[in-house]
PDB file of N, CA and C in Angstrom:
ATOM      1  N   MET A   1      -1.706  -7.746 -10.530  1.00  0.00           N
ATOM      2  CA  MET A   1      -3.149  -7.843 -10.629  1.00  0.00           C
ATOM      3  C   MET A   1      -3.679  -6.598 -11.332  1.00  0.00           C
ATOM      4  N   GLN A   2      -4.475  -6.790 -12.317  1.00  0.00           N
ATOM      5  CA  GLN A   2      -5.058  -5.672 -13.043  1.00  0.00           C
ATOM      6  C   GLN A   2      -6.314  -5.200 -12.314  1.00  0.00           C
ATOM      7  N   ALA A   3      -6.298  -3.951 -11.894  1.00  0.00           N
ATOM      8  CA  ALA A   3      -7.413  -3.411 -11.106  1.00  0.00           C
ATOM      9  C   ALA A   3      -8.559  -2.917 -11.975  1.00  0.00           C
ATOM     10  N   VAL A   4      -8.241  -2.395 -13.143  1.00  0.00           N
ATOM     11  CA  VAL A   4      -9.261  -1.762 -13.979  1.00  0.00           C
ATOM     12  C   VAL A   4      -9.086  -2.231 -15.417  1.00  0.00           C
ATOM     13  N   LYS A   5     -10.175  -2.538 -16.067  1.00  0.00           N
ATOM     14  CA  LYS A   5     -10.125  -2.948 -17.473  1.00  0.00           C
ATOM     15  C   LYS A   5     -11.380  -2.457 -18.180  1.00  0.00           C
ATOM     16  N   GLY A   6     -11.198  -1.859 -19.335  1.00  0.00           N
ATOM     17  CA  GLY A   6     -12.327  -1.485 -20.166  1.00  0.00           C
ATOM     18  C   GLY A   6     -13.137  -0.303 -19.679  1.00  0.00           C
ATOM     19  N   VAL A   7     -12.511   0.673 -19.073  1.00  0.00           N
ATOM     20  CA  VAL A   7     -13.230   1.862 -18.618  1.00  0.00           C
ATOM     21  C   VAL A   7     -13.378   2.829 -19.789  1.00  0.00           C
ATOM     22  N   SER A   8     -14.558   3.353 -19.957  1.00  0.00           N
ATOM     23  CA  SER A   8     -14.794   4.344 -20.996  1.00  0.00           C
ATOM     24  C   SER A   8     -15.878   5.300 -20.515  1.00  0.00           C
ATOM     25  N   PHE A   9     -15.541   6.578 -20.480  1.00  0.00           N
ATOM     26  CA  PHE A   9     -16.547   7.580 -20.155  1.00  0.00           C
ATOM     27  C   PHE A   9     -16.110   8.919 -20.720  1.00  0.00           C
ATOM     28  N   GLU A  10     -17.069   9.807 -20.842  1.00  0.00           N
ATOM     29  CA  GLU A  10     -16.822  11.141 -21.375  1.00  0.00           C
ATOM     30  C   GLU A  10     -17.489  12.147 -20.452  1.00  0.00           C
ATOM     31  N   VAL A  11     -16.783  13.212 -20.153  1.00  0.00           N
ATOM     32  CA  VAL A  11     -17.321  14.289 -19.334  1.00  0.00           C
ATOM     33  C   VAL A  11     -17.357  15.533 -20.209  1.00  0.00           C
ATOM     34  N   LEU A  12     -18.525  16.041 -20.440  1.00  0.00           N
ATOM     35  CA  LEU A  12     -18.681  17.220 -21.280  1.00  0.00           C
ATOM     36  C   LEU A  12     -18.563  18.494 -20.451  1.00  0.00           C
ATOM     37  N   GLU A  13     -18.267  19.576 -21.126  1.00  0.00           N
ATOM     38  CA  GLU A  13     -18.125  20.861 -20.447  1.00  0.00           C
ATOM     39  C   GLU A  13     -19.397  21.191 -19.672  1.00  0.00           C
ATOM     40  N   GLY A  14     -19.222  21.592 -18.420  1.00  0.00           N
ATOM     41  CA  GLY A  14     -20.344  21.967 -17.571  1.00  0.00           C
ATOM     42  C   GLY A  14     -20.966  20.810 -16.811  1.00  0.00           C
ATOM     43  N   GLU A  15     -20.546  19.585 -17.105  1.00  0.00           N
ATOM     44  CA  GLU A  15     -21.102  18.426 -16.414  1.00  0.00           C
ATOM     45  C   GLU A  15     -20.363  18.158 -15.110  1.00  0.00           C
ATOM     46  N   LEU A  16     -21.053  17.593 -14.188  1.00  0.00           N
ATOM     47  CA  LEU A  16     -20.482  17.103 -12.939  1.00  0.00           C
ATOM     48  C   LEU A  16     -20.726  15.605 -12.922  1.00  0.00           C
ATOM     49  N   VAL A  17     -19.658  14.840 -12.872  1.00  0.00           N
ATOM     50  CA  VAL A  17     -19.758  13.388 -12.961  1.00  0.00           C
ATOM     51  C   VAL A  17     -19.143  12.758 -11.722  1.00  0.00           C
ATOM     52  N   SER A  18     -19.774  11.727 -11.207  1.00  0.00           N
ATOM     53  CA  SER A  18     -19.257  10.994 -10.056  1.00  0.00           C
ATOM     54  C   SER A  18     -18.818   9.615 -10.500  1.00  0.00           C
ATOM     55  N   LEU A  19     -17.729   9.162  -9.921  1.00  0.00           N
ATOM     56  CA  LEU A  19     -17.242   7.809 -10.144  1.00  0.00           C
ATOM     57  C   LEU A  19     -17.438   7.067  -8.833  1.00  0.00           C
ATOM     58  N   ILE A  20     -18.386   6.142  -8.820  1.00  0.00           N
ATOM     59  CA  ILE A  20     -18.729   5.463  -7.575  1.00  0.00           C
ATOM     60  C   ILE A  20     -18.542   3.954  -7.730  1.00  0.00           C
ATOM     61  N   GLY A  21     -18.321   3.302  -6.610  1.00  0.00           N
ATOM     62  CA  GLY A  21     -18.170   1.856  -6.614  1.00  0.00           C
ATOM     63  C   GLY A  21     -17.682   1.382  -5.272  1.00  0.00           C
ATOM     64  N   ALA A  22     -17.644   0.080  -5.116  1.00  0.00           N
ATOM     65  CA  ALA A  22     -17.211  -0.528  -3.866  1.00  0.00           C
ATOM     66  C   ALA A  22     -15.725  -0.304  -3.642  1.00  0.00           C
ATOM     67  N   ASN A  23     -15.283  -0.500  -2.403  1.00  0.00           N
ATOM     68  CA  ASN A  23     -13.849  -0.457  -2.110  1.00  0.00           C
ATOM     69  C   ASN A  23     -13.134  -1.483  -2.981  1.00  0.00           C
ATOM     70  N   GLY A  24     -12.038  -1.066  -3.587  1.00  0.00           N
ATOM     71  CA  GLY A  24     -11.263  -1.966  -4.435  1.00  0.00           C
ATOM     72  C   GLY A  24     -11.780  -2.097  -5.856  1.00  0.00           C
ATOM     73  N   ALA A  25     -12.777  -1.315  -6.226  1.00  0.00           N
ATOM     74  CA  ALA A  25     -13.353  -1.422  -7.564  1.00  0.00           C
ATOM     75  C   ALA A  25     -12.522  -0.735  -8.641  1.00  0.00           C
ATOM     76  N   GLY A  26     -11.561   0.116  -8.240  1.00  0.00           N
ATOM     77  CA  GLY A  26     -10.695   0.766  -9.214  1.00  0.00           C
ATOM     78  C   GLY A  26     -10.938   2.246  -9.425  1.00  0.00           C
ATOM     79  N   LYS A  27     -11.698   2.868  -8.550  1.00  0.00           N
ATOM     80  CA  LYS A  27     -11.984   4.301  -8.697  1.00  0.00           C
ATOM     81  C   LYS A  27     -10.706   5.130  -8.627  1.00  0.00           C
ATOM     82  N   THR A  28      -9.932   4.916  -7.582  1.00  0.00           N
ATOM     83  CA  THR A  28      -8.695   5.675  -7.406  1.00  0.00           C
ATOM     84  C   THR A  28      -7.693   5.344  -8.495  1.00  0.00           C
ATOM     85  N   THR A  29      -7.594   4.095  -8.868  1.00  0.00           N
ATOM     86  CA  THR A  29      -6.674   3.695  -9.939  1.00  0.00           C
ATOM     87  C   THR A  29      -7.032   4.391 -11.236  1.00  0.00           C
ATOM     88  N   THR A  30      -8.315   4.482 -11.542  1.00  0.00           N
ATOM     89  CA  THR A  30      -8.765   5.172 -12.754  1.00  0.00           C
ATOM     90  C   THR A  30      -8.363   6.641 -12.714  1.00  0.00           C
ATOM     91  N   LEU A  31      -8.614   7.311 -11.595  1.00  0.00           N
ATOM     92  CA  LEU A  31      -8.281   8.727 -11.479  1.00  0.00           C
ATOM     93  C   LEU A  31      -6.774   8.954 -11.499  1.00  0.00           C
ATOM     94  N   LYS A  32      -6.005   8.042 -10.903  1.00  0.00           N
ATOM     95  CA  LYS A  32      -4.542   8.170 -10.945  1.00  0.00           C
ATOM     96  C   LYS A  32      -4.016   8.015 -12.365  1.00  0.00           C
ATOM     97  N   ALA A  33      -4.599   7.115 -13.131  1.00  0.00           N
ATOM     98  CA  ALA A  33      -4.176   6.948 -14.530  1.00  0.00           C
ATOM     99  C   ALA A  33      -4.487   8.199 -15.338  1.00  0.00           C
ATOM    100  N   ILE A  34      -5.644   8.784 -15.112  1.00  0.00           N
ATOM    101  CA  ILE A  34      -6.025  10.005 -15.837  1.00  0.00           C
ATOM    102  C   ILE A  34      -5.096  11.153 -15.464  1.00  0.00           C
ATOM    103  N   SER A  35      -4.770  11.275 -14.174  1.00  0.00           N
ATOM    104  CA  SER A  35      -3.977  12.412 -13.712  1.00  0.00           C
ATOM    105  C   SER A  35      -2.469  12.201 -13.840  1.00  0.00           C
ATOM    106  N   GLY A  36      -2.056  11.063 -14.361  1.00  0.00           N
ATOM    107  CA  GLY A  36      -0.635  10.842 -14.623  1.00  0.00           C
ATOM    108  C   GLY A  36       0.182  10.389 -13.439  1.00  0.00           C
ATOM    109  N   THR A  37      -0.462  10.037 -12.329  1.00  0.00           N
ATOM    110  CA  THR A  37       0.297   9.592 -11.162  1.00  0.00           C
ATOM    111  C   THR A  37       0.485   8.084 -11.124  1.00  0.00           C
ATOM    112  N   GLN A  38      -0.154   7.377 -12.054  1.00  0.00           N
ATOM    113  CA  GLN A  38       0.017   5.928 -12.173  1.00  0.00           C
ATOM    114  C   GLN A  38      -0.033   5.572 -13.647  1.00  0.00           C
ATOM    115  N   PRO A  39       0.918   4.787 -14.133  1.00  0.00           N
ATOM    116  CA  PRO A  39       0.912   4.435 -15.550  1.00  0.00           C
ATOM    117  C   PRO A  39      -0.269   3.519 -15.897  1.00  0.00           C
ATOM    118  N   SER A  40      -0.761   3.656 -17.116  1.00  0.00           N
ATOM    119  CA  SER A  40      -1.809   2.752 -17.582  1.00  0.00           C
ATOM    120  C   SER A  40      -1.187   1.744 -18.540  1.00  0.00           C
ATOM    121  N   ALA A  41      -1.758   0.562 -18.578  1.00  0.00           N
ATOM    122  CA  ALA A  41      -1.197  -0.530 -19.374  1.00  0.00           C
ATOM    123  C   ALA A  41      -1.560  -0.428 -20.851  1.00  0.00           C
ATOM    124  N   GLY A  42      -2.562   0.353 -21.180  1.00  0.00           N
ATOM    125  CA  GLY A  42      -2.965   0.445 -22.579  1.00  0.00           C
ATOM    126  C   GLY A  42      -4.112   1.408 -22.748  1.00  0.00           C
ATOM    127  N   GLY A  43      -4.589   1.465 -23.947  1.00  0.00           N
ATOM    128  CA  GLY A  43      -5.709   2.345 -24.254  1.00  0.00           C
ATOM    129  C   GLY A  43      -5.272   3.790 -24.428  1.00  0.00           C
ATOM    130  N   GLU A  44      -6.227   4.668 -24.505  1.00  0.00           N
ATOM    131  CA  GLU A  44      -5.962   6.096 -24.675  1.00  0.00           C
ATOM    132  C   GLU A  44      -6.673   6.884 -23.594  1.00  0.00           C
ATOM    133  N   ILE A  45      -6.070   7.983 -23.220  1.00  0.00           N
ATOM    134  CA  ILE A  45      -6.681   8.923 -22.287  1.00  0.00           C
ATOM    135  C   ILE A  45      -6.610  10.283 -22.960  1.00  0.00           C
ATOM    136  N   GLU A  46      -7.760  10.912 -23.117  1.00  0.00           N
ATOM    137  CA  GLU A  46      -7.814  12.224 -23.754  1.00  0.00           C
ATOM    138  C   GLU A  46      -8.379  13.244 -22.782  1.00  0.00           C
ATOM    139  N   TYR A  47      -7.846  14.448 -22.879  1.00  0.00           N
ATOM    140  CA  TYR A  47      -8.324  15.563 -22.069  1.00  0.00           C
ATOM    141  C   TYR A  47      -8.357  16.781 -22.969  1.00  0.00           C
ATOM    142  N   LEU A  48      -9.510  17.394 -23.090  1.00  0.00           N
ATOM    143  CA  LEU A  48      -9.713  18.550 -23.967  1.00  0.00           C
ATOM    144  C   LEU A  48      -9.248  18.260 -25.389  1.00  0.00           C
ATOM    145  N   GLY A  49      -9.542  17.026 -25.851  1.00  0.00           N
ATOM    146  CA  GLY A  49      -9.225  16.648 -27.217  1.00  0.00           C
ATOM    147  C   GLY A  49      -7.771  16.280 -27.474  1.00  0.00           C
ATOM    148  N   ARG A  50      -6.947  16.265 -26.430  1.00  0.00           N
ATOM    149  CA  ARG A  50      -5.527  15.927 -26.565  1.00  0.00           C
ATOM    150  C   ARG A  50      -5.247  14.604 -25.877  1.00  0.00           C
ATOM    151  N   ARG A  51      -4.435  13.783 -26.493  1.00  0.00           N
ATOM    152  CA  ARG A  51      -4.026  12.527 -25.863  1.00  0.00           C
ATOM    153  C   ARG A  51      -3.021  12.840 -24.753  1.00  0.00           C
ATOM    154  N   ILE A  52      -3.312  12.320 -23.555  1.00  0.00           N
ATOM    155  CA  ILE A  52      -2.453  12.639 -22.415  1.00  0.00           C
ATOM    156  C   ILE A  52      -1.861  11.393 -21.766  1.00  0.00           C
ATOM    157  N   ARG A  53      -2.194  10.219 -22.282  1.00  0.00           N
ATOM    158  CA  ARG A  53      -1.660   8.986 -21.686  1.00  0.00           C
ATOM    159  C   ARG A  53      -0.141   9.016 -21.702  1.00  0.00           C
ATOM    160  N   GLY A  54       0.468   8.715 -20.564  1.00  0.00           N
ATOM    161  CA  GLY A  54       1.917   8.688 -20.463  1.00  0.00           C
ATOM    162  C   GLY A  54       2.541   9.989 -20.003  1.00  0.00           C
ATOM    163  N   GLN A  55       1.755  11.059 -19.934  1.00  0.00           N
ATOM    164  CA  GLN A  55       2.291  12.322 -19.442  1.00  0.00           C
ATOM    165  C   GLN A  55       2.289  12.309 -17.919  1.00  0.00           C
ATOM    166  N   GLY A  56       3.268  12.946 -17.341  1.00  0.00           N
ATOM    167  CA  GLY A  56       3.357  13.025 -15.890  1.00  0.00           C
ATOM    168  C   GLY A  56       2.492  14.138 -15.340  1.00  0.00           C
ATOM    169  N   PRO A  57       2.238  14.098 -14.036  1.00  0.00           N
ATOM    170  CA  PRO A  57       1.422  15.143 -13.424  1.00  0.00           C
ATOM    171  C   PRO A  57       2.034  16.532 -13.570  1.00  0.00           C
ATOM    172  N   TRP A  58       3.366  16.617 -13.656  1.00  0.00           N
ATOM    173  CA  TRP A  58       4.034  17.909 -13.846  1.00  0.00           C
ATOM    174  C   TRP A  58       3.704  18.505 -15.207  1.00  0.00           C
ATOM    175  N   ASP A  59       3.364  17.661 -16.189  1.00  0.00           N
ATOM    176  CA  ASP A  59       2.919  18.156 -17.497  1.00  0.00           C
ATOM    177  C   ASP A  59       1.441  18.524 -17.474  1.00  0.00           C
ATOM    178  N   LEU A  60       0.641  17.690 -16.825  1.00  0.00           N
ATOM    179  CA  LEU A  60      -0.808  17.880 -16.840  1.00  0.00           C
ATOM    180  C   LEU A  60      -1.256  19.077 -16.026  1.00  0.00           C
ATOM    181  N   VAL A  61      -0.507  19.442 -15.006  1.00  0.00           N
ATOM    182  CA  VAL A  61      -0.883  20.599 -14.196  1.00  0.00           C
ATOM    183  C   VAL A  61      -0.878  21.879 -15.042  1.00  0.00           C
ATOM    184  N   LYS A  62      -0.064  21.908 -16.070  1.00  0.00           N
ATOM    185  CA  LYS A  62      -0.037  23.061 -16.978  1.00  0.00           C
ATOM    186  C   LYS A  62      -1.350  23.220 -17.738  1.00  0.00           C
ATOM    187  N   HIS A  63      -2.123  22.128 -17.804  1.00  0.00           N
ATOM    188  CA  HIS A  63      -3.419  22.142 -18.493  1.00  0.00           C
ATOM    189  C   HIS A  63      -4.574  22.077 -17.498  1.00  0.00           C
ATOM    190  N   ASP A  64      -4.284  22.424 -16.238  1.00  0.00           N
ATOM    191  CA  ASP A  64      -5.300  22.473 -15.173  1.00  0.00           C
ATOM    192  C   ASP A  64      -5.916  21.111 -14.868  1.00  0.00           C
ATOM    193  N   LEU A  65      -5.132  20.059 -15.012  1.00  0.00           N
ATOM    194  CA  LEU A  65      -5.604  18.718 -14.667  1.00  0.00           C
ATOM    195  C   LEU A  65      -4.720  18.186 -13.548  1.00  0.00           C
ATOM    196  N   VAL A  66      -5.306  18.047 -12.355  1.00  0.00           N
ATOM    197  CA  VAL A  66      -4.557  17.577 -11.188  1.00  0.00           C
ATOM    198  C   VAL A  66      -5.433  16.634 -10.379  1.00  0.00           C
ATOM    199  N   MET A  67      -4.783  15.824  -9.564  1.00  0.00           N
ATOM    200  CA  MET A  67      -5.501  14.977  -8.614  1.00  0.00           C
ATOM    201  C   MET A  67      -5.155  15.469  -7.219  1.00  0.00           C
ATOM    202  N   VAL A  68      -6.158  15.703  -6.417  1.00  0.00           N
ATOM    203  CA  VAL A  68      -5.952  16.118  -5.039  1.00  0.00           C
ATOM    204  C   VAL A  68      -6.133  14.879  -4.172  1.00  0.00           C
ATOM    205  N   PRO A  69      -5.047  14.388  -3.577  1.00  0.00           N
ATOM    206  CA  PRO A  69      -5.158  13.143  -2.811  1.00  0.00           C
ATOM    207  C   PRO A  69      -5.919  13.331  -1.504  1.00  0.00           C
ATOM    208  N   GLU A  70      -6.434  12.233  -1.018  1.00  0.00           N
ATOM    209  CA  GLU A  70      -7.083  12.225   0.290  1.00  0.00           C
ATOM    210  C   GLU A  70      -6.042  12.582   1.339  1.00  0.00           C
ATOM    211  N   GLY A  71      -6.438  13.182   2.435  1.00  0.00           N
ATOM    212  CA  GLY A  71      -5.525  13.736   3.417  1.00  0.00           C
ATOM    213  C   GLY A  71      -4.606  12.803   4.157  1.00  0.00           C
ATOM    214  N   ARG A  72      -4.900  11.518   4.225  1.00  0.00           N
ATOM    215  CA  ARG A  72      -4.088  10.606   5.025  1.00  0.00           C
ATOM    216  C   ARG A  72      -2.751  10.313   4.350  1.00  0.00           C
ATOM    217  N   CYS A  73      -1.685  10.473   5.073  1.00  0.00           N
ATOM    218  CA  CYS A  73      -0.333  10.090   4.639  1.00  0.00           C
ATOM    219  C   CYS A  73       0.101  10.761   3.343  1.00  0.00           C
ATOM    220  N   THR A  74      -0.344  11.980   3.111  1.00  0.00           N
ATOM    221  CA  THR A  74       0.043  12.684   1.899  1.00  0.00           C
ATOM    222  C   THR A  74       1.513  13.076   1.946  1.00  0.00           C
ATOM    223  N   PHE A  75       1.965  13.586   3.090  1.00  0.00           N
ATOM    224  CA  PHE A  75       3.373  13.969   3.251  1.00  0.00           C
ATOM    225  C   PHE A  75       3.947  13.147   4.405  1.00  0.00           C
ATOM    226  N   THR A  76       4.391  11.957   4.107  1.00  0.00           N
ATOM    227  CA  THR A  76       4.831  11.038   5.165  1.00  0.00           C
ATOM    228  C   THR A  76       6.243  11.297   5.619  1.00  0.00           C
ATOM    229  N   ARG A  77       7.051  11.943   4.804  1.00  0.00           N
ATOM    230  CA  ARG A  77       8.464  12.148   5.163  1.00  0.00           C
ATOM    231  C   ARG A  77       8.853  13.621   5.079  1.00  0.00           C
ATOM    232  N   ILE A  78       8.097  14.447   5.710  1.00  0.00           N
ATOM    233  CA  ILE A  78       8.360  15.874   5.666  1.00  0.00           C
ATOM    234  C   ILE A  78       8.702  16.361   7.078  1.00  0.00           C
ATOM    235  N   THR A  79       9.669  17.237   7.145  1.00  0.00           N
ATOM    236  CA  THR A  79      10.033  17.836   8.412  1.00  0.00           C
ATOM    237  C   THR A  79       9.828  19.344   8.300  1.00  0.00           C
ATOM    238  N   ILE A  80       9.193  19.888   9.287  1.00  0.00           N
ATOM    239  CA  ILE A  80       8.934  21.329   9.294  1.00  0.00           C
ATOM    240  C   ILE A  80       9.695  21.925  10.459  1.00  0.00           C
ATOM    241  N   THR A  81      10.513  22.935  10.162  1.00  0.00           N
ATOM    242  CA  THR A  81      11.258  23.624  11.221  1.00  0.00           C
ATOM    243  C   THR A  81      10.838  25.085  11.234  1.00  0.00           C
ATOM    244  N   THR A  82      10.920  25.664  12.404  1.00  0.00           N
ATOM    245  CA  THR A  82      10.548  27.078  12.523  1.00  0.00           C
ATOM    246  C   THR A  82      11.725  27.890  12.997  1.00  0.00           C
TER     247      THR A  82
END
């Protein structure tokens, strides 16, 4: 099932932009595609004038582009020993 289709927006330097919508509208999917944590099916994604579609989050973090996930179930299989 395709969650998002035809998204286009631009964020200029100094702007604060919100992505809002109903549950299931594709907000998280859009942000995951931008941040490289979910592949996109097509189109282009640019950041600071560079095409970044297809790059992994390990590449994008070098350019200060990261996604901070919501706190629930972020580390589901981690063991901490003291």
